[in-house]
Amino acid sequence: MLIGFLATHFDFENWLSRRHNIFPSLSATWRKVGNIRVRFKGTLAGNIMSHNPNYDVSPVFGALKAKLIFDCATNSHSVESLESYRNQTVSEDSLLRAIKIPLVPGRELTYDRSMHPIISVALAVDRQDDFIVGGRVGFGCAFDQPVSIRLPISEPIHVTHLADAAEHLAADVVGATPGARTDYLGSSAYRKRMAQVLLRRQLIHLAPFQNAG
């Protein structure tokens, strides 16, 4: 999926709503991003370039392993991830032309912004039949910059075992993040605790319902 630099939040939401098989839960969530003016005027590329940790695009696109494509006076080049972009120098004459999101068969995405602007959590998992074989987590709000971390799955996890594995997976992911911010909204420890709670909840929701009887 290639997203041009002028694509707005509304464009993205509208595109998702017409393609129900691609990240079906994200369209409904994206309707809650910003007010009507922001959704119609704010661009996804501008959201990324702002480096604002409270914005929504970077954690979601970080979980999806998006690539950034830049044009400058002499050439075009791509940056392999949002983290790579933040950690390397891009020339002043570079223009973010497009964002490329890989559409991987079996990839599912959830985005929980229920505690925004304290913490937001995007989870992308790769499913093969009834097994989770990999994934990535993006965090917004809690850190000085949006952060994404690979889901530490060393061997495929059957979906019926995912609820049991959720606690330690969430703890391992959050444990690999840098120090969280402390401000009037919450302490660093509180933000990290809530990140773990939201991620664990998202992982459990991927597991099939088990009838207690």
C-alpha atoms as a PDB file:
ATOM      1  CA  MET A   1       0.000   0.000   0.000  1.00  0.00           C
ATOM      2  CA  LEU A   2       1.502   3.315  -1.118  1.00  0.00           C
ATOM      3  CA  ILE A   3       0.239   6.477   0.604  1.00  0.00           C
ATOM      4  CA  GLY A   4       1.042   9.826  -1.021  1.00  0.00           C
ATOM      5  CA  PHE A   5       2.335  12.745   1.004  1.00  0.00           C
ATOM      6  CA  LEU A   6      -0.917  14.721   0.606  1.00  0.00           C
ATOM      7  CA  ALA A   7      -3.195  11.926   1.882  1.00  0.00           C
ATOM      8  CA  THR A   8      -5.273  13.147   4.822  1.00  0.00           C
ATOM      9  CA  HIS A   9      -6.644  11.256   7.807  1.00  0.00           C
ATOM     10  CA  PHE A  10     -10.050  11.277   6.100  1.00  0.00           C
ATOM     11  CA  ASP A  11      -8.569   9.862   2.893  1.00  0.00           C
ATOM     12  CA  PHE A  12      -7.017   7.018   4.880  1.00  0.00           C
ATOM     13  CA  GLU A  13     -10.208   6.347   6.843  1.00  0.00           C
ATOM     14  CA  ASN A  14     -12.268   6.378   3.635  1.00  0.00           C
ATOM     15  CA  TRP A  15      -9.828   4.042   1.872  1.00  0.00           C
ATOM     16  CA  LEU A  16      -9.967   1.582   4.776  1.00  0.00           C
ATOM     17  CA  SER A  17     -13.773   1.689   4.959  1.00  0.00           C
ATOM     18  CA  ARG A  18     -14.006   0.539   1.316  1.00  0.00           C
ATOM     19  CA  ARG A  19     -11.603  -2.358   1.841  1.00  0.00           C
ATOM     20  CA  HIS A  20     -13.116  -4.342   4.669  1.00  0.00           C
ATOM     21  CA  ASN A  21     -10.570  -7.150   4.415  1.00  0.00           C
ATOM     22  CA  ILE A  22      -7.615  -4.858   5.222  1.00  0.00           C
ATOM     23  CA  PHE A  23      -7.314  -4.039   8.943  1.00  0.00           C
ATOM     24  CA  PRO A  24     -11.115  -3.936   9.456  1.00  0.00           C
ATOM     25  CA  SER A  25     -10.962  -2.549  13.002  1.00  0.00           C
ATOM     26  CA  LEU A  26      -8.717   0.378  12.057  1.00  0.00           C
ATOM     27  CA  SER A  27     -11.291   2.296  10.014  1.00  0.00           C
ATOM     28  CA  ALA A  28     -13.635   2.688  12.996  1.00  0.00           C
ATOM     29  CA  THR A  29     -10.742   3.654  15.259  1.00  0.00           C
ATOM     30  CA  TRP A  30      -9.421   6.230  12.798  1.00  0.00           C
ATOM     31  CA  ARG A  31     -12.744   8.106  12.874  1.00  0.00           C
ATOM     32  CA  LYS A  32     -11.861   9.056  16.467  1.00  0.00           C
ATOM     33  CA  VAL A  33      -8.508  10.588  15.526  1.00  0.00           C
ATOM     34  CA  GLY A  34      -8.631  14.372  15.888  1.00  0.00           C
ATOM     35  CA  ASN A  35     -11.570  16.652  15.192  1.00  0.00           C
ATOM     36  CA  ILE A  36     -13.259  17.108  11.835  1.00  0.00           C
ATOM     37  CA  ARG A  37     -10.848  19.880  10.780  1.00  0.00           C
ATOM     38  CA  VAL A  38      -7.799  17.744  11.577  1.00  0.00           C
ATOM     39  CA  ARG A  39      -9.198  14.725   9.734  1.00  0.00           C
ATOM     40  CA  PHE A  40      -9.933  16.712   6.570  1.00  0.00           C
ATOM     41  CA  LYS A  41      -6.818  18.920   6.560  1.00  0.00           C
ATOM     42  CA  GLY A  42      -4.134  17.009   8.481  1.00  0.00           C
ATOM     43  CA  THR A  43      -1.934  14.693   6.414  1.00  0.00           C
ATOM     44  CA  LEU A  44      -0.438  11.369   7.456  1.00  0.00           C
ATOM     45  CA  ALA A  45       2.995  12.482   6.238  1.00  0.00           C
ATOM     46  CA  GLY A  46       2.798  15.703   8.249  1.00  0.00           C
ATOM     47  CA  ASN A  47       1.796  13.677  11.296  1.00  0.00           C
ATOM     48  CA  ILE A  48       5.000  11.632  10.985  1.00  0.00           C
ATOM     49  CA  MET A  49       7.272  14.580  10.199  1.00  0.00           C
ATOM     50  CA  SER A  50       6.079  16.500  13.268  1.00  0.00           C
ATOM     51  CA  HIS A  51       7.771  13.964  15.595  1.00  0.00           C
ATOM     52  CA  ASN A  52       4.944  14.584  18.085  1.00  0.00           C
ATOM     53  CA  PRO A  53       4.741  11.515  20.367  1.00  0.00           C
ATOM     54  CA  ASN A  54       1.029  12.101  21.020  1.00  0.00           C
ATOM     55  CA  TYR A  55       0.030  11.774  17.368  1.00  0.00           C
ATOM     56  CA  ASP A  56      -1.481   8.545  16.075  1.00  0.00           C
ATOM     57  CA  VAL A  57       0.177   7.735  12.755  1.00  0.00           C
ATOM     58  CA  SER A  58       3.658   6.775  13.962  1.00  0.00           C
ATOM     59  CA  PRO A  59       2.679   4.035  16.453  1.00  0.00           C
ATOM     60  CA  VAL A  60       0.299   2.419  13.938  1.00  0.00           C
ATOM     61  CA  PHE A  61       2.650   2.660  10.971  1.00  0.00           C
ATOM     62  CA  GLY A  62       5.576   1.627  13.176  1.00  0.00           C
ATOM     63  CA  ALA A  63       3.730  -1.572  14.107  1.00  0.00           C
ATOM     64  CA  LEU A  64       3.104  -2.168  10.389  1.00  0.00           C
ATOM     65  CA  LYS A  65       6.810  -1.665   9.569  1.00  0.00           C
ATOM     66  CA  ALA A  66       6.115   1.203   7.175  1.00  0.00           C
ATOM     67  CA  LYS A  67       8.866   2.510   4.893  1.00  0.00           C
ATOM     68  CA  LEU A  68       9.340   6.204   4.128  1.00  0.00           C
ATOM     69  CA  ILE A  69      10.205   7.262   0.575  1.00  0.00           C
ATOM     70  CA  PHE A  70      12.039  10.577   0.210  1.00  0.00           C
ATOM     71  CA  ASP A  71      12.837  12.663  -2.859  1.00  0.00           C
ATOM     72  CA  CYS A  72      15.656  15.192  -2.966  1.00  0.00           C
ATOM     73  CA  ALA A  73      17.379  17.218  -5.675  1.00  0.00           C
ATOM     74  CA  THR A  74      19.633  14.361  -6.773  1.00  0.00           C
ATOM     75  CA  ASN A  75      17.795  11.097  -6.087  1.00  0.00           C
ATOM     76  CA  SER A  76      15.049   9.114  -4.384  1.00  0.00           C
ATOM     77  CA  HIS A  77      15.731   6.918  -1.398  1.00  0.00           C
ATOM     78  CA  SER A  78      13.747   4.934   1.137  1.00  0.00           C
ATOM     79  CA  VAL A  79      14.143   4.652   4.891  1.00  0.00           C
ATOM     80  CA  GLU A  80      13.374   1.148   6.109  1.00  0.00           C
ATOM     81  CA  SER A  81      11.414   2.109   9.239  1.00  0.00           C
ATOM     82  CA  LEU A  82      10.256   5.086  11.276  1.00  0.00           C
ATOM     83  CA  GLU A  83      12.944   4.285  13.849  1.00  0.00           C
ATOM     84  CA  SER A  84      15.626   4.370  11.152  1.00  0.00           C
ATOM     85  CA  TYR A  85      14.327   7.752   9.993  1.00  0.00           C
ATOM     86  CA  ARG A  86      14.529   9.197  13.494  1.00  0.00           C
ATOM     87  CA  ASN A  87      18.025   7.777  14.031  1.00  0.00           C
ATOM     88  CA  GLN A  88      19.634   8.891  10.782  1.00  0.00           C
ATOM     89  CA  THR A  89      20.199  12.198   9.082  1.00  0.00           C
ATOM     90  CA  VAL A  90      17.937  13.075   6.160  1.00  0.00           C
ATOM     91  CA  SER A  91      19.205  15.926   3.993  1.00  0.00           C
ATOM     92  CA  GLU A  92      17.469  19.275   4.362  1.00  0.00           C
ATOM     93  CA  ASP A  93      16.299  19.232   0.741  1.00  0.00           C
ATOM     94  CA  SER A  94      14.542  15.868   1.174  1.00  0.00           C
ATOM     95  CA  LEU A  95      10.769  15.698   0.800  1.00  0.00           C
ATOM     96  CA  LEU A  96       8.719  12.817   2.172  1.00  0.00           C
ATOM     97  CA  ARG A  97       6.976  11.730  -1.033  1.00  0.00           C
ATOM     98  CA  ALA A  98       5.189   8.573   0.094  1.00  0.00           C
ATOM     99  CA  ILE A  99       4.715   6.016   2.843  1.00  0.00           C
ATOM    100  CA  LYS A 100       4.819   2.342   1.876  1.00  0.00           C
ATOM    101  CA  ILE A 101       3.013  -0.172   4.082  1.00  0.00           C
ATOM    102  CA  PRO A 102       3.570  -3.870   3.344  1.00  0.00           C
ATOM    103  CA  LEU A 103       0.297  -5.795   3.064  1.00  0.00           C
ATOM    104  CA  VAL A 104       1.270  -9.192   4.424  1.00  0.00           C
ATOM    105  CA  PRO A 105      -1.229 -12.087   4.077  1.00  0.00           C
ATOM    106  CA  GLY A 106      -2.564 -13.025   7.506  1.00  0.00           C
ATOM    107  CA  ARG A 107      -1.500  -9.769   9.168  1.00  0.00           C
ATOM    108  CA  GLU A 108      -3.985  -8.367  11.683  1.00  0.00           C
ATOM    109  CA  LEU A 109      -3.879  -4.975  13.368  1.00  0.00           C
ATOM    110  CA  THR A 110      -5.515  -3.541  16.471  1.00  0.00           C
ATOM    111  CA  TYR A 111      -5.062  -0.040  17.878  1.00  0.00           C
ATOM    112  CA  ASP A 112      -6.053   0.908  21.420  1.00  0.00           C
ATOM    113  CA  ARG A 113      -6.097   4.649  22.117  1.00  0.00           C
ATOM    114  CA  SER A 114      -8.551   4.426  25.022  1.00  0.00           C
ATOM    115  CA  MET A 115      -5.952   5.995  27.357  1.00  0.00           C
ATOM    116  CA  HIS A 116      -4.701   8.637  24.920  1.00  0.00           C
ATOM    117  CA  PRO A 117      -2.812  10.948  25.635  1.00  0.00           C
ATOM    118  CA  ILE A 118      -1.269   8.852  28.437  1.00  0.00           C
ATOM    119  CA  ILE A 119      -0.511   5.822  26.251  1.00  0.00           C
ATOM    120  CA  SER A 120      -1.658   4.370  22.933  1.00  0.00           C
ATOM    121  CA  VAL A 121      -0.791   0.874  21.712  1.00  0.00           C
ATOM    122  CA  ALA A 122      -0.857  -0.535  18.169  1.00  0.00           C
ATOM    123  CA  LEU A 123      -0.415  -4.292  17.736  1.00  0.00           C
ATOM    124  CA  ALA A 124       0.235  -6.010  14.401  1.00  0.00           C
ATOM    125  CA  VAL A 125       0.423  -9.817  14.393  1.00  0.00           C
ATOM    126  CA  ASP A 126       1.155 -12.245  11.584  1.00  0.00           C
ATOM    127  CA  ARG A 127      -1.130 -15.266  11.579  1.00  0.00           C
ATOM    128  CA  GLN A 128      -0.631 -18.511   9.674  1.00  0.00           C
ATOM    129  CA  ASP A 129      -3.707 -20.705  10.010  1.00  0.00           C
ATOM    130  CA  ASP A 130      -4.273 -20.927  13.774  1.00  0.00           C
ATOM    131  CA  PHE A 131      -0.775 -19.824  14.774  1.00  0.00           C
ATOM    132  CA  ILE A 132       0.712 -16.422  15.578  1.00  0.00           C
ATOM    133  CA  VAL A 133       4.171 -16.438  13.997  1.00  0.00           C
ATOM    134  CA  GLY A 134       5.342 -12.868  14.565  1.00  0.00           C
ATOM    135  CA  GLY A 135       4.329  -9.306  15.134  1.00  0.00           C
ATOM    136  CA  ARG A 136       5.256  -5.795  16.138  1.00  0.00           C
ATOM    137  CA  VAL A 137       3.993  -3.300  18.719  1.00  0.00           C
ATOM    138  CA  GLY A 138       3.894   0.485  18.361  1.00  0.00           C
ATOM    139  CA  PHE A 139       3.582   2.843  21.329  1.00  0.00           C
ATOM    140  CA  GLY A 140       2.517   6.482  21.293  1.00  0.00           C
ATOM    141  CA  CYS A 141       2.250   9.208  23.952  1.00  0.00           C
ATOM    142  CA  ALA A 142       4.364   7.529  26.637  1.00  0.00           C
ATOM    143  CA  PHE A 143       7.839   8.258  25.291  1.00  0.00           C
ATOM    144  CA  ASP A 144       9.700  11.259  23.905  1.00  0.00           C
ATOM    145  CA  GLN A 145       9.217   9.727  20.460  1.00  0.00           C
ATOM    146  CA  PRO A 146       6.908   6.987  19.178  1.00  0.00           C
ATOM    147  CA  VAL A 147       8.472   3.556  19.718  1.00  0.00           C
ATOM    148  CA  SER A 148       7.952   0.214  17.991  1.00  0.00           C
ATOM    149  CA  ILE A 149       9.211  -3.151  19.268  1.00  0.00           C
ATOM    150  CA  ARG A 150       9.203  -6.603  17.679  1.00  0.00           C
ATOM    151  CA  LEU A 151       6.898  -9.088  19.402  1.00  0.00           C
ATOM    152  CA  PRO A 152       9.337 -11.633  20.927  1.00  0.00           C
ATOM    153  CA  ILE A 153       7.911 -14.848  19.473  1.00  0.00           C
ATOM    154  CA  SER A 154      10.642 -17.472  19.103  1.00  0.00           C
ATOM    155  CA  GLU A 155       8.277 -20.178  17.844  1.00  0.00           C
ATOM    156  CA  PRO A 156       4.673 -20.113  16.582  1.00  0.00           C
ATOM    157  CA  ILE A 157       1.993 -19.766  19.268  1.00  0.00           C
ATOM    158  CA  HIS A 158      -1.357 -21.467  18.739  1.00  0.00           C
ATOM    159  CA  VAL A 159      -4.172 -18.970  19.214  1.00  0.00           C
ATOM    160  CA  THR A 160      -5.705 -21.109  21.972  1.00  0.00           C
ATOM    161  CA  HIS A 161      -2.476 -20.617  23.977  1.00  0.00           C
ATOM    162  CA  LEU A 162      -2.223 -16.897  23.323  1.00  0.00           C
ATOM    163  CA  ALA A 163      -4.129 -15.850  26.435  1.00  0.00           C
ATOM    164  CA  ASP A 164      -1.667 -17.811  28.598  1.00  0.00           C
ATOM    165  CA  ALA A 165       1.324 -16.257  26.811  1.00  0.00           C
ATOM    166  CA  ALA A 166      -0.053 -12.701  26.808  1.00  0.00           C
ATOM    167  CA  GLU A 167       1.267 -11.678  30.229  1.00  0.00           C
ATOM    168  CA  HIS A 168       4.913 -12.521  29.610  1.00  0.00           C
ATOM    169  CA  LEU A 169       4.827 -11.279  25.995  1.00  0.00           C
ATOM    170  CA  ALA A 170       3.484  -7.911  27.128  1.00  0.00           C
ATOM    171  CA  ALA A 171       6.030  -7.724  29.956  1.00  0.00           C
ATOM    172  CA  ASP A 172       8.922  -8.542  27.604  1.00  0.00           C
ATOM    173  CA  VAL A 173       7.870  -5.937  25.044  1.00  0.00           C
ATOM    174  CA  VAL A 174       7.343  -3.137  27.559  1.00  0.00           C
ATOM    175  CA  GLY A 175      10.575  -4.099  29.312  1.00  0.00           C
ATOM    176  CA  ALA A 176      12.444  -3.459  26.049  1.00  0.00           C
ATOM    177  CA  THR A 177      11.154   0.115  25.715  1.00  0.00           C
ATOM    178  CA  PRO A 178      13.144   3.193  26.823  1.00  0.00           C
ATOM    179  CA  GLY A 179      12.238   5.256  29.867  1.00  0.00           C
ATOM    180  CA  ALA A 180       8.734   6.702  29.677  1.00  0.00           C
ATOM    181  CA  ARG A 181       7.850  10.333  30.273  1.00  0.00           C
ATOM    182  CA  THR A 182       6.669  11.735  33.589  1.00  0.00           C
ATOM    183  CA  ASP A 183       4.349  14.742  33.453  1.00  0.00           C
ATOM    184  CA  TYR A 184       1.055  16.002  34.844  1.00  0.00           C
ATOM    185  CA  LEU A 185      -0.796  13.141  33.118  1.00  0.00           C
ATOM    186  CA  GLY A 186       1.119  10.348  34.793  1.00  0.00           C
ATOM    187  CA  SER A 187       4.433   9.003  35.984  1.00  0.00           C
ATOM    188  CA  SER A 188       6.860   6.933  33.939  1.00  0.00           C
ATOM    189  CA  ALA A 189       5.989   3.827  35.970  1.00  0.00           C
ATOM    190  CA  TYR A 190       2.248   4.375  35.478  1.00  0.00           C
ATOM    191  CA  ARG A 191       2.611   4.798  31.731  1.00  0.00           C
ATOM    192  CA  LYS A 192       4.659   1.615  31.435  1.00  0.00           C
ATOM    193  CA  ARG A 193       2.185  -0.295  33.569  1.00  0.00           C
ATOM    194  CA  MET A 194      -0.725   0.854  31.412  1.00  0.00           C
ATOM    195  CA  ALA A 195       1.220  -0.003  28.245  1.00  0.00           C
ATOM    196  CA  GLN A 196       1.571  -3.556  29.536  1.00  0.00           C
ATOM    197  CA  VAL A 197      -2.106  -3.749  30.533  1.00  0.00           C
ATOM    198  CA  LEU A 198      -3.350  -2.542  27.130  1.00  0.00           C
ATOM    199  CA  LEU A 199      -0.990  -4.800  25.182  1.00  0.00           C
ATOM    200  CA  ARG A 200      -1.932  -7.839  27.264  1.00  0.00           C
ATOM    201  CA  ARG A 201      -5.612  -7.063  26.658  1.00  0.00           C
ATOM    202  CA  GLN A 202      -5.087  -6.814  22.902  1.00  0.00           C
ATOM    203  CA  LEU A 203      -3.228 -10.132  22.801  1.00  0.00           C
ATOM    204  CA  ILE A 204      -5.972 -11.863  24.793  1.00  0.00           C
ATOM    205  CA  HIS A 205      -8.632 -10.501  22.410  1.00  0.00           C
ATOM    206  CA  LEU A 206      -6.882 -12.299  19.551  1.00  0.00           C
ATOM    207  CA  ALA A 207      -7.490 -15.640  21.254  1.00  0.00           C
ATOM    208  CA  PRO A 208     -10.754 -17.485  20.503  1.00  0.00           C
ATOM    209  CA  PHE A 209     -13.442 -17.328  23.189  1.00  0.00           C
ATOM    210  CA  GLN A 210     -13.224 -20.294  25.514  1.00  0.00           C
ATOM    211  CA  ASN A 211     -16.541 -21.493  26.925  1.00  0.00           C
ATOM    212  CA  ALA A 212     -16.102 -21.944  30.650  1.00  0.00           C
ATOM    213  CA  GLY A 213     -18.515 -24.868  30.588  1.00  0.00           C
END
